[in-house]
Amino acid sequence: VQLQASGGGLVQAGGSLRLSCAASGLRFSIYNIGWFRQAPGKEREFVGDINWSGGRTSYAESVKGRFTISRDNAAKNTVYLQMNSLKPEDTAVYYCAGGTAGAYNLWGQGTQVTVSS
């Protein structure tokens, strides 16, 4: 049972990246998936999440209007985080996490996103 985030990299401010969170070994379609990030010297913070069906998303104020979360339950067991208009302050390690009852208790390895100014 695991979640694996990928797709990070180095991008200039104003650019875009799409992160993926791939699931294996679990009934992916019943899991809510959240994205979190942690910058050096800072606590981990919530970025956004999507419910099990994909019918509801929520976002932190700092990324609202720039980031979009979607999911593919049918074919790829994957959740995506589309990040547009990236800013240097978006630099962090990004993690995805899964949960079924209001808490995220299944965490994947993170992927580094670096935004240069």
N, C-alpha and C. Protein backbone atom coordinates (compact mmCIF):
# COMPACT_ATOMS: atom_id res chain seq x y z
N VAL A 1 0.86 -1.19 0.00
CA VAL A 1 0.00 0.00 0.00
C VAL A 1 0.89 1.23 0.00
N GLN A 2 0.75 2.04 -1.05
CA GLN A 2 1.58 3.23 -1.05
C GLN A 2 1.03 4.30 -1.98
N LEU A 3 1.46 5.52 -1.65
CA LEU A 3 1.23 6.67 -2.50
C LEU A 3 2.59 7.21 -2.90
N GLN A 4 2.74 7.61 -4.11
CA GLN A 4 4.02 8.12 -4.59
C GLN A 4 3.80 9.42 -5.35
N ALA A 5 4.36 10.50 -4.84
CA ALA A 5 4.29 11.79 -5.52
C ALA A 5 5.46 11.91 -6.49
N SER A 6 5.21 12.52 -7.63
CA SER A 6 6.25 12.74 -8.63
C SER A 6 5.92 13.97 -9.44
N GLY A 7 6.88 14.37 -10.26
CA GLY A 7 6.64 15.49 -11.16
C GLY A 7 7.27 16.80 -10.74
N GLY A 8 7.95 16.79 -9.61
CA GLY A 8 8.60 18.01 -9.17
C GLY A 8 9.79 18.37 -10.03
N GLY A 9 10.31 19.56 -9.80
CA GLY A 9 11.46 20.00 -10.56
C GLY A 9 11.75 21.46 -10.31
N LEU A 10 12.59 22.00 -11.16
CA LEU A 10 12.98 23.41 -11.09
C LEU A 10 12.25 24.18 -12.18
N VAL A 11 11.61 25.27 -11.79
CA VAL A 11 10.86 26.07 -12.75
C VAL A 11 11.03 27.54 -12.40
N GLN A 12 10.95 28.40 -13.40
CA GLN A 12 11.04 29.83 -13.15
C GLN A 12 9.71 30.37 -12.63
N ALA A 13 9.79 31.44 -11.90
CA ALA A 13 8.57 32.08 -11.42
C ALA A 13 7.64 32.39 -12.60
N GLY A 14 6.38 32.12 -12.38
CA GLY A 14 5.39 32.30 -13.43
C GLY A 14 5.13 31.05 -14.24
N GLY A 15 5.98 30.05 -14.06
CA GLY A 15 5.84 28.81 -14.80
C GLY A 15 4.84 27.86 -14.17
N SER A 16 4.77 26.66 -14.74
CA SER A 16 3.80 25.65 -14.32
C SER A 16 4.48 24.31 -14.13
N LEU A 17 3.89 23.52 -13.25
CA LEU A 17 4.28 22.13 -13.06
C LEU A 17 3.02 21.34 -12.76
N ARG A 18 3.04 20.06 -13.12
CA ARG A 18 1.95 19.18 -12.72
C ARG A 18 2.53 18.03 -11.92
N LEU A 19 2.10 17.92 -10.69
CA LEU A 19 2.50 16.82 -9.84
C LEU A 19 1.49 15.70 -9.94
N SER A 20 1.98 14.49 -9.76
CA SER A 20 1.11 13.31 -9.76
C SER A 20 1.27 12.57 -8.45
N CYS A 21 0.18 11.98 -8.01
CA CYS A 21 0.19 11.13 -6.83
C CYS A 21 -0.41 9.80 -7.26
N ALA A 22 0.44 8.81 -7.41
CA ALA A 22 0.00 7.51 -7.88
C ALA A 22 -0.18 6.56 -6.71
N ALA A 23 -1.26 5.79 -6.76
CA ALA A 23 -1.58 4.88 -5.67
C ALA A 23 -1.46 3.45 -6.12
N SER A 24 -1.05 2.60 -5.21
CA SER A 24 -1.00 1.17 -5.49
C SER A 24 -1.34 0.41 -4.21
N GLY A 25 -1.97 -0.73 -4.39
CA GLY A 25 -2.26 -1.60 -3.26
C GLY A 25 -3.40 -1.17 -2.38
N LEU A 26 -4.26 -0.27 -2.87
CA LEU A 26 -5.40 0.15 -2.08
C LEU A 26 -6.57 0.45 -2.99
N ARG A 27 -7.77 0.50 -2.40
CA ARG A 27 -8.96 0.89 -3.16
C ARG A 27 -8.95 2.40 -3.31
N PHE A 28 -8.24 2.84 -4.30
CA PHE A 28 -7.97 4.26 -4.47
C PHE A 28 -9.25 5.09 -4.51
N SER A 29 -10.29 4.54 -5.12
CA SER A 29 -11.50 5.32 -5.37
C SER A 29 -12.28 5.67 -4.10
N ILE A 30 -11.90 5.11 -2.95
CA ILE A 30 -12.61 5.47 -1.71
C ILE A 30 -11.81 6.45 -0.86
N TYR A 31 -10.62 6.82 -1.32
CA TYR A 31 -9.75 7.68 -0.54
C TYR A 31 -9.88 9.14 -0.93
N ASN A 32 -10.01 9.99 0.07
CA ASN A 32 -9.78 11.41 -0.14
C ASN A 32 -8.26 11.61 -0.21
N ILE A 33 -7.82 12.51 -1.07
CA ILE A 33 -6.39 12.74 -1.24
C ILE A 33 -6.07 14.20 -0.98
N GLY A 34 -5.08 14.42 -0.15
CA GLY A 34 -4.65 15.77 0.14
C GLY A 34 -3.24 16.02 -0.34
N TRP A 35 -2.97 17.26 -0.67
CA TRP A 35 -1.61 17.69 -0.99
C TRP A 35 -1.13 18.62 0.13
N PHE A 36 0.10 18.40 0.52
CA PHE A 36 0.73 19.20 1.57
C PHE A 36 2.12 19.59 1.09
N ARG A 37 2.70 20.59 1.72
CA ARG A 37 4.06 20.96 1.36
C ARG A 37 4.82 21.41 2.59
N GLN A 38 6.12 21.27 2.52
CA GLN A 38 6.97 21.70 3.61
C GLN A 38 8.21 22.36 3.05
N ALA A 39 8.36 23.62 3.39
CA ALA A 39 9.53 24.39 2.98
C ALA A 39 10.60 24.27 4.05
N PRO A 40 11.86 24.48 3.69
CA PRO A 40 12.94 24.39 4.68
C PRO A 40 12.71 25.32 5.86
N GLY A 41 12.81 24.76 7.05
CA GLY A 41 12.65 25.55 8.25
C GLY A 41 11.22 25.90 8.61
N LYS A 42 10.27 25.36 7.87
CA LYS A 42 8.86 25.67 8.13
C LYS A 42 8.08 24.40 8.40
N GLU A 43 6.93 24.57 9.01
CA GLU A 43 6.08 23.42 9.27
C GLU A 43 5.36 23.01 7.99
N ARG A 44 4.95 21.76 7.98
CA ARG A 44 4.17 21.28 6.84
C ARG A 44 2.84 22.00 6.80
N GLU A 45 2.40 22.36 5.61
CA GLU A 45 1.14 23.07 5.47
C GLU A 45 0.26 22.41 4.42
N PHE A 46 -1.01 22.59 4.62
CA PHE A 46 -2.04 22.07 3.71
C PHE A 46 -2.04 22.91 2.44
N VAL A 47 -2.09 22.23 1.30
CA VAL A 47 -2.18 22.90 0.00
C VAL A 47 -3.60 22.80 -0.55
N GLY A 48 -4.14 21.60 -0.55
CA GLY A 48 -5.49 21.39 -1.06
C GLY A 48 -5.83 19.92 -0.99
N ASP A 49 -7.09 19.62 -1.25
CA ASP A 49 -7.48 18.22 -1.27
C ASP A 49 -8.65 18.00 -2.20
N ILE A 50 -8.91 16.72 -2.44
CA ILE A 50 -10.01 16.31 -3.31
C ILE A 50 -10.67 15.10 -2.67
N ASN A 51 -11.99 15.08 -2.72
CA ASN A 51 -12.66 13.96 -2.07
C ASN A 51 -12.62 12.72 -2.96
N TRP A 52 -13.15 11.63 -2.43
CA TRP A 52 -12.99 10.33 -3.08
C TRP A 52 -13.55 10.30 -4.50
N SER A 53 -14.62 11.05 -4.74
CA SER A 53 -15.26 10.99 -6.06
C SER A 53 -14.71 12.03 -7.02
N GLY A 54 -13.97 12.99 -6.48
CA GLY A 54 -13.54 14.10 -7.32
C GLY A 54 -14.54 15.22 -7.40
N GLY A 55 -15.63 15.09 -6.66
CA GLY A 55 -16.68 16.08 -6.75
C GLY A 55 -16.50 17.30 -5.86
N ARG A 56 -15.52 17.24 -4.99
CA ARG A 56 -15.27 18.37 -4.09
C ARG A 56 -13.77 18.58 -3.94
N THR A 57 -13.36 19.82 -4.08
CA THR A 57 -11.98 20.20 -3.82
C THR A 57 -11.94 21.39 -2.88
N SER A 58 -10.84 21.52 -2.19
CA SER A 58 -10.62 22.71 -1.37
C SER A 58 -9.15 23.09 -1.46
N TYR A 59 -8.87 24.36 -1.24
CA TYR A 59 -7.52 24.87 -1.42
C TYR A 59 -7.17 25.86 -0.32
N ALA A 60 -5.88 25.89 -0.01
CA ALA A 60 -5.38 26.93 0.86
C ALA A 60 -5.48 28.28 0.15
N GLU A 61 -5.68 29.33 0.92
CA GLU A 61 -5.82 30.65 0.32
C GLU A 61 -4.61 31.03 -0.50
N SER A 62 -3.45 30.58 -0.09
CA SER A 62 -2.21 30.98 -0.76
C SER A 62 -2.08 30.42 -2.17
N VAL A 63 -2.86 29.38 -2.49
CA VAL A 63 -2.76 28.77 -3.81
C VAL A 63 -4.05 28.84 -4.60
N LYS A 64 -5.11 29.32 -3.98
CA LYS A 64 -6.41 29.37 -4.63
C LYS A 64 -6.33 30.21 -5.90
N GLY A 65 -6.87 29.66 -6.98
CA GLY A 65 -6.84 30.35 -8.27
C GLY A 65 -5.62 30.03 -9.10
N ARG A 66 -4.61 29.43 -8.47
CA ARG A 66 -3.39 29.07 -9.21
C ARG A 66 -3.21 27.56 -9.31
N PHE A 67 -3.65 26.83 -8.30
CA PHE A 67 -3.48 25.38 -8.26
C PHE A 67 -4.83 24.70 -8.47
N THR A 68 -4.80 23.56 -9.15
CA THR A 68 -6.01 22.78 -9.38
C THR A 68 -5.71 21.31 -9.13
N ILE A 69 -6.61 20.67 -8.38
CA ILE A 69 -6.47 19.24 -8.08
C ILE A 69 -7.53 18.48 -8.85
N SER A 70 -7.12 17.38 -9.45
CA SER A 70 -8.06 16.51 -10.15
C SER A 70 -7.63 15.07 -9.90
N ARG A 71 -8.51 14.15 -10.29
CA ARG A 71 -8.16 12.74 -10.08
C ARG A 71 -8.71 11.87 -11.19
N ASP A 72 -8.03 10.77 -11.40
CA ASP A 72 -8.43 9.76 -12.37
C ASP A 72 -8.59 8.46 -11.60
N ASN A 73 -9.82 8.14 -11.24
CA ASN A 73 -10.07 6.90 -10.50
C ASN A 73 -10.18 5.70 -11.42
N ALA A 74 -10.62 5.94 -12.63
CA ALA A 74 -10.97 4.82 -13.49
C ALA A 74 -9.75 4.11 -14.07
N ALA A 75 -8.83 4.89 -14.60
CA ALA A 75 -7.75 4.28 -15.36
C ALA A 75 -6.40 4.29 -14.65
N LYS A 76 -6.09 5.37 -13.96
CA LYS A 76 -4.71 5.54 -13.52
C LYS A 76 -4.51 5.58 -12.02
N ASN A 77 -5.60 5.55 -11.25
CA ASN A 77 -5.43 5.63 -9.79
C ASN A 77 -4.46 6.74 -9.41
N THR A 78 -4.70 7.90 -9.95
CA THR A 78 -3.76 9.01 -9.78
C THR A 78 -4.51 10.30 -9.49
N VAL A 79 -3.93 11.09 -8.62
CA VAL A 79 -4.41 12.45 -8.36
C VAL A 79 -3.36 13.42 -8.88
N TYR A 80 -3.82 14.50 -9.47
CA TYR A 80 -2.93 15.48 -10.06
C TYR A 80 -3.04 16.81 -9.31
N LEU A 81 -1.91 17.49 -9.23
CA LEU A 81 -1.88 18.86 -8.72
C LEU A 81 -1.27 19.73 -9.81
N GLN A 82 -2.12 20.46 -10.50
CA GLN A 82 -1.66 21.38 -11.53
C GLN A 82 -1.33 22.71 -10.87
N MET A 83 -0.10 23.14 -11.02
CA MET A 83 0.36 24.36 -10.38
C MET A 83 0.75 25.37 -11.45
N ASN A 84 0.03 26.47 -11.50
CA ASN A 84 0.29 27.54 -12.46
C ASN A 84 0.73 28.81 -11.72
N SER A 85 1.29 29.71 -12.47
CA SER A 85 1.73 31.00 -11.90
C SER A 85 2.56 30.79 -10.64
N LEU A 86 3.51 29.91 -10.74
CA LEU A 86 4.31 29.57 -9.57
C LEU A 86 5.14 30.74 -9.08
N LYS A 87 5.30 30.78 -7.76
CA LYS A 87 6.04 31.84 -7.10
C LYS A 87 7.20 31.22 -6.31
N PRO A 88 8.24 31.99 -6.07
CA PRO A 88 9.36 31.44 -5.26
C PRO A 88 8.89 30.89 -3.91
N GLU A 89 7.87 31.47 -3.35
CA GLU A 89 7.38 30.99 -2.05
C GLU A 89 6.63 29.67 -2.14
N ASP A 90 6.43 29.16 -3.35
CA ASP A 90 5.86 27.82 -3.52
C ASP A 90 6.93 26.74 -3.42
N THR A 91 8.19 27.14 -3.33
CA THR A 91 9.27 26.18 -3.21
C THR A 91 9.12 25.36 -1.93
N ALA A 92 9.10 24.04 -2.09
CA ALA A 92 8.90 23.14 -0.96
C ALA A 92 8.96 21.71 -1.45
N VAL A 93 8.98 20.79 -0.51
CA VAL A 93 8.74 19.39 -0.83
C VAL A 93 7.24 19.17 -0.74
N TYR A 94 6.68 18.63 -1.78
CA TYR A 94 5.24 18.40 -1.86
C TYR A 94 4.94 16.92 -1.60
N TYR A 95 3.95 16.69 -0.75
CA TYR A 95 3.54 15.35 -0.38
C TYR A 95 2.06 15.16 -0.69
N CYS A 96 1.71 13.94 -1.04
CA CYS A 96 0.30 13.60 -1.10
C CYS A 96 0.00 12.62 0.04
N ALA A 97 -1.24 12.64 0.47
CA ALA A 97 -1.66 11.79 1.58
C ALA A 97 -3.09 11.34 1.34
N GLY A 98 -3.41 10.15 1.82
CA GLY A 98 -4.74 9.60 1.64
C GLY A 98 -5.43 9.36 2.96
N GLY A 99 -6.74 9.45 2.94
CA GLY A 99 -7.53 9.18 4.12
C GLY A 99 -8.96 8.86 3.75
N THR A 100 -9.66 8.20 4.66
CA THR A 100 -11.04 7.81 4.39
C THR A 100 -12.03 8.32 5.42
N ALA A 101 -11.55 8.87 6.52
CA ALA A 101 -12.47 9.25 7.59
C ALA A 101 -12.10 10.58 8.20
N GLY A 102 -11.79 11.54 7.36
CA GLY A 102 -11.52 12.89 7.85
C GLY A 102 -10.10 13.15 8.26
N ALA A 103 -9.25 12.15 8.25
CA ALA A 103 -7.85 12.35 8.62
C ALA A 103 -6.97 11.68 7.57
N TYR A 104 -5.82 12.27 7.34
CA TYR A 104 -4.89 11.71 6.37
C TYR A 104 -3.87 10.87 7.10
N ASN A 105 -3.91 9.56 6.86
CA ASN A 105 -3.03 8.65 7.59
C ASN A 105 -2.16 7.79 6.70
N LEU A 106 -2.22 8.02 5.39
CA LEU A 106 -1.38 7.28 4.46
C LEU A 106 -0.58 8.30 3.67
N TRP A 107 0.73 8.33 3.92
CA TRP A 107 1.57 9.36 3.33
C TRP A 107 2.55 8.77 2.35
N GLY A 108 2.75 9.51 1.27
CA GLY A 108 3.73 9.11 0.28
C GLY A 108 5.02 9.89 0.45
N GLN A 109 6.03 9.48 -0.28
CA GLN A 109 7.27 10.24 -0.32
C GLN A 109 7.03 11.52 -1.11
N GLY A 110 7.75 12.53 -0.77
CA GLY A 110 7.54 13.82 -1.39
C GLY A 110 8.32 14.01 -2.68
N THR A 111 8.00 15.11 -3.33
CA THR A 111 8.72 15.50 -4.54
C THR A 111 9.08 16.98 -4.42
N GLN A 112 10.31 17.31 -4.77
CA GLN A 112 10.81 18.67 -4.58
C GLN A 112 10.35 19.58 -5.70
N VAL A 113 9.83 20.72 -5.32
CA VAL A 113 9.49 21.77 -6.27
C VAL A 113 10.31 23.00 -5.91
N THR A 114 11.05 23.50 -6.88
CA THR A 114 11.86 24.69 -6.66
C THR A 114 11.49 25.73 -7.71
N VAL A 115 11.12 26.91 -7.23
CA VAL A 115 10.73 27.99 -8.13
C VAL A 115 11.77 29.10 -8.00
N SER A 116 12.42 29.39 -9.10
CA SER A 116 13.45 30.42 -9.09
C SER A 116 12.86 31.77 -9.48
N SER A 117 13.44 32.81 -8.91
CA SER A 117 12.92 34.16 -9.17
C SER A 117 13.61 34.79 -10.37
